Structures are given as C-alpha cells and as structure tokens.
Amino acid sequence: LAKRVMMSELRKIEAAWTLKSGPLDSAETARRLLMAVGDLVAVEPARYDLDRRRKWRDYEGRRLIVDMLTQRTQLVTIVEERSVDQGGVLVVVATGKQGPPPQVVAQWHRHWPPADEEIERWQRAVGDAFDSLDLKAFTMSVDGEVVMKAEGEDRRNWNQSWKK
C-alpha cells in the first residue's frame, strides 16, 4: 500500500450520469441525482450558475432544485470555493429541456491509482444510483480514458479497467 501511494499521480477524473429520459422535472429526481454525485465524490458546493449567465448564486440545495425545475434552465454549473485545479469539484447538470436526456458531469483531481476501498465505494455509489434513479448509463474516466462504464440494467458486467 505504501508503495502504491508513493507512486500515485494527480490525475483528472470525470464522471457522467445519464438518465434514460427527460426532461428533469421532479424535485425528488433532481435531489437523487445530486446525491448520486455526492456519494461518488465529496462535494462542498459554494455557488451555482444557471445557463452560463455568470450570475453566481450562493449554494442552497432547495433553491437550486427550484431554479432547476421552475425556470427555463438548461444548464446548471455548481462549484466549490476551490477550483478543480486547486482540488475542488466542478459539477454541471444538463436538465434535458432541449432534447437529449438529463446528464450530470463531475470533474475533480485526485491521486491515482485509488485504494481498493475507494474503488469499492465508487462501485456501491454507482449501484445505488442505478437503484434510485432511472439511469441509462454511468461513465468514469481518468485523463480521458474510460475506467468504469455501466449501462442498462445489468451492472454485473461493468467494463472496469482500473490502472494500478
């Protein structure tokens, strides 16, 4: 384990959750989708923006969900105090109001490879997301290379290629 930690590198991680259909029109679905992100990566949201207008609002979960559902919002960007390059997490939610189904993408940096316990936690988090949401697919990539992909109902056959 000590050898693995010493040889780890800081890498860009991206995870994407895609719902089967849209648009995002239920507070419960929006809440579960945001919780799925939080289950995978610890997020401490500070601000959010609607439709890239650069009118940042302080993060408050209920208000965000209301804004996502009641306005013509197509894209929500959620950020932490720290930028992604400084160890923060960036979350972008496409509400699916203009065609494609809703999708959430999260980006962050972490040391790679992860510990076995973290991989197991990620697998549980993705399984829970499939159980609680009408998910079509989940994908996780490291520096653009897919390391975990789950589609449809059969999550036993996940494509996983953890580079250790």
N, C-alpha and C. Protein backbone atom coordinates (compact mmCIF):
# COMPACT_ATOMS: atom_id res chain seq x y z
N LEU A 1 0.84 -1.20 0.00
CA LEU A 1 0.00 0.00 0.00
C LEU A 1 0.87 1.25 0.00
N ALA A 2 1.91 1.30 0.82
CA ALA A 2 2.78 2.47 0.87
C ALA A 2 3.42 2.72 -0.48
N LYS A 3 3.82 1.65 -1.17
CA LYS A 3 4.43 1.79 -2.48
C LYS A 3 3.43 2.39 -3.46
N ARG A 4 2.16 1.93 -3.41
CA ARG A 4 1.13 2.44 -4.31
C ARG A 4 0.92 3.93 -4.08
N VAL A 5 0.83 4.36 -2.83
CA VAL A 5 0.60 5.76 -2.53
C VAL A 5 1.77 6.61 -3.01
N MET A 6 3.00 6.13 -2.78
CA MET A 6 4.17 6.89 -3.20
C MET A 6 4.23 7.05 -4.71
N MET A 7 3.74 6.08 -5.46
CA MET A 7 3.84 6.12 -6.91
C MET A 7 2.61 6.75 -7.56
N SER A 8 1.66 7.22 -6.77
CA SER A 8 0.44 7.77 -7.35
C SER A 8 0.70 9.15 -7.96
N GLU A 9 -0.13 9.50 -8.92
CA GLU A 9 -0.03 10.78 -9.59
C GLU A 9 -1.36 11.49 -9.48
N LEU A 10 -1.34 12.82 -9.49
CA LEU A 10 -2.56 13.59 -9.50
C LEU A 10 -3.13 13.55 -10.91
N ARG A 11 -4.37 13.07 -11.03
CA ARG A 11 -4.98 12.88 -12.35
C ARG A 11 -6.36 13.54 -12.39
N LYS A 12 -6.83 13.88 -13.58
CA LYS A 12 -8.16 14.47 -13.76
C LYS A 12 -9.18 13.34 -13.89
N ILE A 13 -10.19 13.38 -13.03
CA ILE A 13 -11.25 12.38 -13.04
C ILE A 13 -12.53 13.05 -13.54
N GLU A 14 -13.27 12.34 -14.36
CA GLU A 14 -14.56 12.84 -14.82
C GLU A 14 -15.57 11.71 -14.72
N ALA A 15 -16.73 12.01 -14.15
CA ALA A 15 -17.80 11.03 -14.04
C ALA A 15 -19.06 11.62 -14.67
N ALA A 16 -19.84 10.78 -15.36
CA ALA A 16 -21.06 11.24 -16.02
C ALA A 16 -22.19 10.27 -15.76
N TRP A 17 -23.32 10.81 -15.34
CA TRP A 17 -24.55 10.05 -15.13
C TRP A 17 -25.55 10.52 -16.18
N THR A 18 -26.17 9.60 -16.92
CA THR A 18 -27.16 9.96 -17.93
C THR A 18 -28.47 9.26 -17.62
N LEU A 19 -29.56 10.04 -17.53
CA LEU A 19 -30.88 9.45 -17.29
C LEU A 19 -31.44 8.90 -18.60
N LYS A 20 -32.38 7.96 -18.47
CA LYS A 20 -32.97 7.35 -19.67
C LYS A 20 -33.85 8.33 -20.43
N SER A 21 -34.55 9.18 -19.73
CA SER A 21 -35.46 10.10 -20.41
C SER A 21 -35.50 11.43 -19.67
N GLY A 22 -36.08 12.38 -20.28
CA GLY A 22 -36.13 13.71 -19.67
C GLY A 22 -37.38 14.43 -20.06
N PRO A 23 -37.49 15.65 -19.75
CA PRO A 23 -36.51 16.45 -19.03
C PRO A 23 -36.57 16.21 -17.52
N LEU A 24 -35.62 16.79 -16.83
CA LEU A 24 -35.58 16.73 -15.37
C LEU A 24 -36.76 17.58 -14.87
N ASP A 25 -37.78 16.94 -14.31
CA ASP A 25 -38.98 17.68 -13.95
C ASP A 25 -39.52 17.34 -12.56
N SER A 26 -38.75 16.64 -11.77
CA SER A 26 -39.19 16.25 -10.43
C SER A 26 -38.13 16.65 -9.41
N ALA A 27 -38.57 17.28 -8.32
CA ALA A 27 -37.64 17.67 -7.26
C ALA A 27 -36.96 16.44 -6.68
N GLU A 28 -37.68 15.35 -6.56
CA GLU A 28 -37.11 14.12 -5.99
C GLU A 28 -36.01 13.56 -6.91
N THR A 29 -36.25 13.55 -8.21
CA THR A 29 -35.22 13.07 -9.14
C THR A 29 -34.00 13.98 -9.12
N ALA A 30 -34.23 15.29 -9.11
CA ALA A 30 -33.11 16.24 -9.05
C ALA A 30 -32.30 16.02 -7.77
N ARG A 31 -32.98 15.85 -6.65
CA ARG A 31 -32.30 15.63 -5.37
C ARG A 31 -31.49 14.34 -5.41
N ARG A 32 -32.08 13.28 -5.93
CA ARG A 32 -31.37 11.99 -6.01
C ARG A 32 -30.17 12.06 -6.95
N LEU A 33 -30.31 12.80 -8.03
CA LEU A 33 -29.20 12.95 -8.97
C LEU A 33 -28.04 13.68 -8.32
N LEU A 34 -28.32 14.75 -7.59
CA LEU A 34 -27.27 15.48 -6.89
C LEU A 34 -26.67 14.62 -5.78
N MET A 35 -27.48 13.82 -5.12
CA MET A 35 -26.97 12.92 -4.08
C MET A 35 -26.05 11.86 -4.68
N ALA A 36 -26.37 11.39 -5.89
CA ALA A 36 -25.51 10.39 -6.55
C ALA A 36 -24.11 10.95 -6.77
N VAL A 37 -24.04 12.23 -7.12
CA VAL A 37 -22.73 12.86 -7.28
C VAL A 37 -22.01 12.90 -5.94
N GLY A 38 -22.72 13.32 -4.90
CA GLY A 38 -22.13 13.40 -3.57
C GLY A 38 -21.69 12.07 -3.01
N ASP A 39 -22.38 11.00 -3.40
CA ASP A 39 -21.99 9.67 -2.95
C ASP A 39 -20.69 9.21 -3.61
N LEU A 40 -20.43 9.70 -4.81
CA LEU A 40 -19.22 9.30 -5.53
C LEU A 40 -18.01 10.13 -5.13
N VAL A 41 -18.21 11.43 -5.02
CA VAL A 41 -17.10 12.33 -4.69
C VAL A 41 -17.61 13.36 -3.69
N ALA A 42 -16.83 13.61 -2.67
CA ALA A 42 -17.22 14.60 -1.66
C ALA A 42 -17.25 15.99 -2.30
N VAL A 43 -18.43 16.60 -2.31
CA VAL A 43 -18.60 17.92 -2.91
C VAL A 43 -19.07 18.87 -1.82
N GLU A 44 -18.43 20.02 -1.73
CA GLU A 44 -18.85 21.07 -0.81
C GLU A 44 -19.24 22.28 -1.65
N PRO A 45 -20.47 22.27 -2.19
CA PRO A 45 -20.88 23.34 -3.11
C PRO A 45 -20.87 24.70 -2.43
N ALA A 46 -20.39 25.69 -3.17
CA ALA A 46 -20.36 27.06 -2.65
C ALA A 46 -21.29 27.96 -3.46
N ARG A 47 -21.27 27.79 -4.80
CA ARG A 47 -22.07 28.66 -5.66
C ARG A 47 -22.58 27.86 -6.86
N TYR A 48 -23.60 28.44 -7.51
CA TYR A 48 -24.07 27.84 -8.76
C TYR A 48 -24.51 28.93 -9.72
N ASP A 49 -24.51 28.57 -10.99
CA ASP A 49 -24.86 29.48 -12.06
C ASP A 49 -25.86 28.78 -12.98
N LEU A 50 -26.80 29.52 -13.52
CA LEU A 50 -27.80 28.96 -14.43
C LEU A 50 -27.49 29.39 -15.86
N ASP A 51 -27.44 28.43 -16.74
CA ASP A 51 -27.28 28.68 -18.18
C ASP A 51 -26.08 29.56 -18.54
N ARG A 52 -25.00 29.41 -17.81
CA ARG A 52 -23.74 30.12 -18.08
C ARG A 52 -23.92 31.64 -18.17
N ARG A 53 -24.80 32.18 -17.37
CA ARG A 53 -25.03 33.62 -17.37
C ARG A 53 -24.01 34.37 -16.52
N ARG A 54 -23.22 33.62 -15.74
CA ARG A 54 -22.22 34.19 -14.84
C ARG A 54 -22.85 35.10 -13.79
N LYS A 55 -24.05 34.70 -13.36
CA LYS A 55 -24.73 35.37 -12.25
C LYS A 55 -24.76 34.37 -11.11
N TRP A 56 -23.62 34.24 -10.46
CA TRP A 56 -23.44 33.21 -9.44
C TRP A 56 -24.30 33.48 -8.23
N ARG A 57 -24.89 32.41 -7.72
CA ARG A 57 -25.72 32.47 -6.52
C ARG A 57 -25.09 31.59 -5.45
N ASP A 58 -25.22 32.00 -4.20
CA ASP A 58 -24.75 31.15 -3.11
C ASP A 58 -25.55 29.86 -3.13
N TYR A 59 -24.85 28.76 -2.88
CA TYR A 59 -25.49 27.44 -2.94
C TYR A 59 -26.43 27.23 -1.77
N GLU A 60 -27.65 26.86 -2.09
CA GLU A 60 -28.64 26.40 -1.12
C GLU A 60 -29.44 25.35 -1.86
N GLY A 61 -29.40 24.11 -1.37
CA GLY A 61 -29.95 22.96 -2.09
C GLY A 61 -31.37 23.11 -2.58
N ARG A 62 -32.27 23.52 -1.71
CA ARG A 62 -33.69 23.66 -2.12
C ARG A 62 -33.85 24.71 -3.21
N ARG A 63 -33.17 25.83 -3.03
CA ARG A 63 -33.28 26.91 -4.01
C ARG A 63 -32.74 26.46 -5.37
N LEU A 64 -31.62 25.72 -5.35
CA LEU A 64 -31.06 25.20 -6.59
C LEU A 64 -32.07 24.30 -7.31
N ILE A 65 -32.68 23.40 -6.58
CA ILE A 65 -33.64 22.48 -7.20
C ILE A 65 -34.84 23.25 -7.76
N VAL A 66 -35.33 24.22 -7.03
CA VAL A 66 -36.43 25.05 -7.53
C VAL A 66 -36.01 25.76 -8.81
N ASP A 67 -34.80 26.34 -8.80
CA ASP A 67 -34.31 27.02 -10.01
C ASP A 67 -34.18 26.05 -11.18
N MET A 68 -33.73 24.84 -10.91
CA MET A 68 -33.58 23.84 -11.98
C MET A 68 -34.92 23.48 -12.60
N LEU A 69 -35.96 23.43 -11.78
CA LEU A 69 -37.25 22.94 -12.25
C LEU A 69 -38.20 24.02 -12.73
N THR A 70 -38.15 25.22 -12.14
CA THR A 70 -39.18 26.21 -12.46
C THR A 70 -38.75 27.21 -13.52
N GLN A 71 -37.50 27.41 -13.70
CA GLN A 71 -37.06 28.33 -14.73
C GLN A 71 -36.81 27.53 -16.01
N ARG A 72 -36.50 28.21 -17.07
CA ARG A 72 -36.21 27.52 -18.33
C ARG A 72 -34.76 27.03 -18.36
N THR A 73 -34.27 26.72 -17.21
CA THR A 73 -32.87 26.36 -17.05
C THR A 73 -32.52 25.11 -17.84
N GLN A 74 -31.47 25.21 -18.64
CA GLN A 74 -30.97 24.08 -19.41
C GLN A 74 -29.67 23.53 -18.84
N LEU A 75 -28.89 24.41 -18.20
CA LEU A 75 -27.58 24.01 -17.72
C LEU A 75 -27.32 24.67 -16.36
N VAL A 76 -26.89 23.86 -15.40
CA VAL A 76 -26.55 24.36 -14.07
C VAL A 76 -25.10 24.00 -13.80
N THR A 77 -24.31 24.98 -13.38
CA THR A 77 -22.92 24.76 -13.02
C THR A 77 -22.78 24.98 -11.52
N ILE A 78 -22.21 23.99 -10.84
CA ILE A 78 -22.03 24.06 -9.38
C ILE A 78 -20.53 23.99 -9.11
N VAL A 79 -20.04 24.91 -8.29
CA VAL A 79 -18.61 24.93 -7.98
C VAL A 79 -18.40 25.00 -6.47
N GLU A 80 -17.21 24.56 -6.09
CA GLU A 80 -16.77 24.71 -4.71
C GLU A 80 -15.98 26.01 -4.61
N GLU A 81 -15.55 26.36 -3.39
CA GLU A 81 -14.70 27.54 -3.23
C GLU A 81 -13.40 27.38 -4.00
N ARG A 82 -12.84 26.14 -3.99
CA ARG A 82 -11.59 25.87 -4.71
C ARG A 82 -11.91 25.47 -6.14
N SER A 83 -11.08 25.88 -7.06
CA SER A 83 -11.27 25.45 -8.45
C SER A 83 -10.86 23.98 -8.58
N VAL A 84 -11.18 23.37 -9.70
CA VAL A 84 -10.81 21.98 -9.94
C VAL A 84 -9.29 21.82 -9.87
N ASP A 85 -8.56 22.77 -10.43
CA ASP A 85 -7.09 22.70 -10.41
C ASP A 85 -6.52 22.81 -9.00
N GLN A 86 -7.29 23.37 -8.08
CA GLN A 86 -6.85 23.52 -6.69
C GLN A 86 -7.42 22.41 -5.80
N GLY A 87 -7.99 21.38 -6.39
CA GLY A 87 -8.53 20.27 -5.61
C GLY A 87 -10.03 20.30 -5.42
N GLY A 88 -10.71 21.27 -6.03
CA GLY A 88 -12.15 21.37 -5.92
C GLY A 88 -12.87 20.48 -6.91
N VAL A 89 -14.18 20.49 -6.83
CA VAL A 89 -15.03 19.68 -7.72
C VAL A 89 -15.92 20.62 -8.52
N LEU A 90 -16.06 20.34 -9.81
CA LEU A 90 -16.96 21.07 -10.70
C LEU A 90 -18.07 20.10 -11.09
N VAL A 91 -19.33 20.54 -10.97
CA VAL A 91 -20.47 19.71 -11.35
C VAL A 91 -21.32 20.50 -12.35
N VAL A 92 -21.66 19.87 -13.47
CA VAL A 92 -22.51 20.50 -14.47
C VAL A 92 -23.71 19.59 -14.70
N VAL A 93 -24.92 20.18 -14.61
CA VAL A 93 -26.16 19.43 -14.80
C VAL A 93 -26.85 19.96 -16.05
N ALA A 94 -27.09 19.08 -17.02
CA ALA A 94 -27.91 19.41 -18.19
C ALA A 94 -29.30 18.88 -17.88
N THR A 95 -30.30 19.75 -17.85
CA THR A 95 -31.64 19.37 -17.39
C THR A 95 -32.46 18.59 -18.42
N GLY A 96 -32.00 18.53 -19.65
CA GLY A 96 -32.72 17.77 -20.67
C GLY A 96 -33.93 18.49 -21.23
N LYS A 97 -34.02 19.79 -21.03
CA LYS A 97 -35.19 20.55 -21.52
C LYS A 97 -35.11 20.87 -23.00
N GLN A 98 -33.98 20.60 -23.62
CA GLN A 98 -33.82 20.90 -25.04
C GLN A 98 -33.44 19.68 -25.86
N GLY A 99 -33.98 18.52 -25.53
CA GLY A 99 -33.69 17.35 -26.36
C GLY A 99 -33.08 16.18 -25.64
N PRO A 100 -31.74 16.09 -25.61
CA PRO A 100 -31.11 14.90 -25.01
C PRO A 100 -31.54 14.72 -23.55
N PRO A 101 -31.50 13.49 -23.06
CA PRO A 101 -31.90 13.25 -21.67
C PRO A 101 -30.97 13.97 -20.69
N PRO A 102 -31.46 14.21 -19.48
CA PRO A 102 -30.64 14.88 -18.47
C PRO A 102 -29.33 14.14 -18.21
N GLN A 103 -28.30 14.92 -17.93
CA GLN A 103 -26.98 14.35 -17.65
C GLN A 103 -26.28 15.22 -16.61
N VAL A 104 -25.50 14.57 -15.77
CA VAL A 104 -24.66 15.28 -14.81
C VAL A 104 -23.22 14.86 -15.07
N VAL A 105 -22.32 15.83 -15.09
CA VAL A 105 -20.90 15.55 -15.24
C VAL A 105 -20.19 16.20 -14.07
N ALA A 106 -19.31 15.45 -13.42
CA ALA A 106 -18.49 15.97 -12.32
C ALA A 106 -17.03 15.81 -12.70
N GLN A 107 -16.22 16.82 -12.37
CA GLN A 107 -14.78 16.77 -12.64
C GLN A 107 -14.04 17.13 -11.37
N TRP A 108 -12.94 16.40 -11.12
CA TRP A 108 -12.08 16.69 -9.98
C TRP A 108 -10.72 16.05 -10.23
N HIS A 109 -9.75 16.40 -9.41
CA HIS A 109 -8.43 15.79 -9.47
C HIS A 109 -8.22 14.95 -8.21
N ARG A 110 -7.51 13.85 -8.35
CA ARG A 110 -7.16 13.02 -7.19
C ARG A 110 -5.92 12.22 -7.55
N HIS A 111 -5.32 11.68 -6.51
CA HIS A 111 -4.15 10.83 -6.76
C HIS A 111 -4.63 9.50 -7.33
N TRP A 112 -3.88 9.00 -8.29
CA TRP A 112 -4.23 7.75 -8.98
C TRP A 112 -3.05 6.83 -8.93
N PRO A 113 -3.19 5.58 -8.67
CA PRO A 113 -4.46 4.85 -8.59
C PRO A 113 -5.11 4.98 -7.21
N PRO A 114 -6.43 4.72 -7.17
CA PRO A 114 -7.15 4.79 -5.90
C PRO A 114 -6.92 3.53 -5.06
N ALA A 115 -7.20 3.64 -3.78
CA ALA A 115 -7.14 2.48 -2.90
C ALA A 115 -8.31 1.56 -3.22
N ASP A 116 -8.15 0.27 -2.95
CA ASP A 116 -9.22 -0.70 -3.22
C ASP A 116 -10.52 -0.31 -2.53
N GLU A 117 -10.44 0.25 -1.33
CA GLU A 117 -11.64 0.65 -0.60
C GLU A 117 -12.39 1.75 -1.34
N GLU A 118 -11.64 2.65 -1.97
CA GLU A 118 -12.29 3.72 -2.72
C GLU A 118 -12.97 3.18 -3.96
N ILE A 119 -12.35 2.25 -4.64
CA ILE A 119 -12.98 1.62 -5.80
C ILE A 119 -14.27 0.95 -5.38
N GLU A 120 -14.23 0.22 -4.28
CA GLU A 120 -15.45 -0.45 -3.78
C GLU A 120 -16.53 0.56 -3.44
N ARG A 121 -16.16 1.70 -2.83
CA ARG A 121 -17.14 2.75 -2.51
C ARG A 121 -17.75 3.32 -3.78
N TRP A 122 -16.90 3.55 -4.81
CA TRP A 122 -17.41 4.05 -6.08
C TRP A 122 -18.39 3.06 -6.69
N GLN A 123 -18.06 1.78 -6.67
CA GLN A 123 -18.94 0.77 -7.24
C GLN A 123 -20.29 0.74 -6.51
N ARG A 124 -20.25 0.84 -5.18
CA ARG A 124 -21.51 0.89 -4.42
C ARG A 124 -22.31 2.13 -4.77
N ALA A 125 -21.63 3.27 -4.86
CA ALA A 125 -22.31 4.53 -5.17
C ALA A 125 -22.99 4.46 -6.53
N VAL A 126 -22.32 3.89 -7.51
CA VAL A 126 -22.91 3.78 -8.85
C VAL A 126 -24.08 2.80 -8.82
N GLY A 127 -23.92 1.67 -8.13
CA GLY A 127 -25.02 0.71 -8.00
C GLY A 127 -26.23 1.35 -7.33
N ASP A 128 -25.99 2.13 -6.27
CA ASP A 128 -27.09 2.82 -5.59
C ASP A 128 -27.76 3.82 -6.52
N ALA A 129 -26.98 4.51 -7.35
CA ALA A 129 -27.55 5.47 -8.29
C ALA A 129 -28.46 4.76 -9.28
N PHE A 130 -28.03 3.59 -9.79
CA PHE A 130 -28.88 2.84 -10.71
C PHE A 130 -30.16 2.37 -10.00
N ASP A 131 -30.05 2.04 -8.72
CA ASP A 131 -31.23 1.59 -7.97
C ASP A 131 -32.21 2.72 -7.68
N SER A 132 -31.72 3.95 -7.50
CA SER A 132 -32.59 5.04 -7.08
C SER A 132 -33.00 5.98 -8.21
N LEU A 133 -32.36 5.88 -9.35
CA LEU A 133 -32.65 6.76 -10.49
C LEU A 133 -32.95 5.93 -11.73
N ASP A 134 -33.58 6.54 -12.69
CA ASP A 134 -33.84 5.90 -13.97
C ASP A 134 -32.64 6.15 -14.88
N LEU A 135 -31.48 5.57 -14.49
CA LEU A 135 -30.24 5.83 -15.22
C LEU A 135 -30.14 4.97 -16.47
N LYS A 136 -29.62 5.59 -17.51
CA LYS A 136 -29.29 4.87 -18.73
C LYS A 136 -27.84 4.41 -18.69
N ALA A 137 -26.95 5.30 -18.18
CA ALA A 137 -25.53 4.97 -18.19
C ALA A 137 -24.76 5.79 -17.17
N PHE A 138 -23.61 5.24 -16.79
CA PHE A 138 -22.64 5.93 -15.95
C PHE A 138 -21.26 5.66 -16.56
N THR A 139 -20.43 6.68 -16.62
CA THR A 139 -19.07 6.52 -17.13
C THR A 139 -18.11 7.30 -16.24
N MET A 140 -16.97 6.70 -15.94
CA MET A 140 -15.90 7.40 -15.23
C MET A 140 -14.64 7.29 -16.06
N SER A 141 -13.95 8.43 -16.22
CA SER A 141 -12.70 8.41 -16.97
C SER A 141 -11.60 9.10 -16.18
N VAL A 142 -10.38 8.71 -16.48
CA VAL A 142 -9.18 9.29 -15.88
C VAL A 142 -8.35 9.84 -17.03
N ASP A 143 -8.13 11.14 -17.02
CA ASP A 143 -7.40 11.80 -18.10
C ASP A 143 -7.93 11.39 -19.48
N GLY A 144 -9.26 11.28 -19.58
CA GLY A 144 -9.92 10.96 -20.85
C GLY A 144 -10.04 9.49 -21.18
N GLU A 145 -9.43 8.61 -20.39
CA GLU A 145 -9.51 7.16 -20.63
C GLU A 145 -10.58 6.55 -19.73
N VAL A 146 -11.56 5.88 -20.33
CA VAL A 146 -12.66 5.28 -19.56
C VAL A 146 -12.12 4.16 -18.68
N VAL A 147 -12.44 4.24 -17.38
CA VAL A 147 -12.01 3.20 -16.44
C VAL A 147 -13.19 2.45 -15.85
N MET A 148 -14.39 3.01 -15.99
CA MET A 148 -15.59 2.33 -15.48
C MET A 148 -16.77 2.77 -16.31
N LYS A 149 -17.54 1.79 -16.77
CA LYS A 149 -18.70 2.11 -17.59
C LYS A 149 -19.81 1.14 -17.22
N ALA A 150 -20.99 1.66 -16.95
CA ALA A 150 -22.15 0.83 -16.63
C ALA A 150 -23.32 1.33 -17.46
N GLU A 151 -24.01 0.40 -18.11
CA GLU A 151 -25.16 0.75 -18.94
C GLU A 151 -26.30 -0.21 -18.69
N GLY A 152 -27.51 0.29 -18.82
CA GLY A 152 -28.68 -0.57 -18.73
C GLY A 152 -28.88 -1.21 -17.37
N GLU A 153 -29.55 -2.34 -17.38
CA GLU A 153 -29.95 -2.99 -16.15
C GLU A 153 -28.87 -3.89 -15.56
N ASP A 154 -27.99 -4.45 -16.38
CA ASP A 154 -27.04 -5.45 -15.91
C ASP A 154 -25.73 -4.80 -15.50
N ARG A 155 -25.62 -4.47 -14.23
CA ARG A 155 -24.41 -3.83 -13.73
C ARG A 155 -23.37 -4.85 -13.29
N ARG A 156 -23.66 -6.12 -13.38
CA ARG A 156 -22.67 -7.14 -13.01
C ARG A 156 -21.55 -7.19 -14.05
N ASN A 157 -21.84 -6.75 -15.25
CA ASN A 157 -20.85 -6.83 -16.33
C ASN A 157 -20.25 -5.45 -16.63
N TRP A 158 -20.03 -4.68 -15.59
CA TRP A 158 -19.42 -3.37 -15.80
C TRP A 158 -18.07 -3.52 -16.49
N ASN A 159 -17.81 -2.61 -17.38
CA ASN A 159 -16.48 -2.54 -18.00
C ASN A 159 -15.61 -1.72 -17.03
N GLN A 160 -14.68 -2.38 -16.38
CA GLN A 160 -13.81 -1.69 -15.43
C GLN A 160 -12.36 -2.00 -15.79
N SER A 161 -11.59 -0.95 -15.89
CA SER A 161 -10.17 -1.15 -16.17
C SER A 161 -9.37 -0.23 -15.26
N TRP A 162 -9.29 -0.58 -14.01
CA TRP A 162 -8.57 0.23 -13.03
C TRP A 162 -7.07 0.06 -13.28
N LYS A 163 -6.44 1.10 -13.69
CA LYS A 163 -5.00 1.05 -13.97
C LYS A 163 -4.23 1.18 -12.66
N LYS A 164 -3.62 0.08 -12.23
CA LYS A 164 -2.89 0.10 -10.95
C LYS A 164 -1.44 -0.14 -11.14
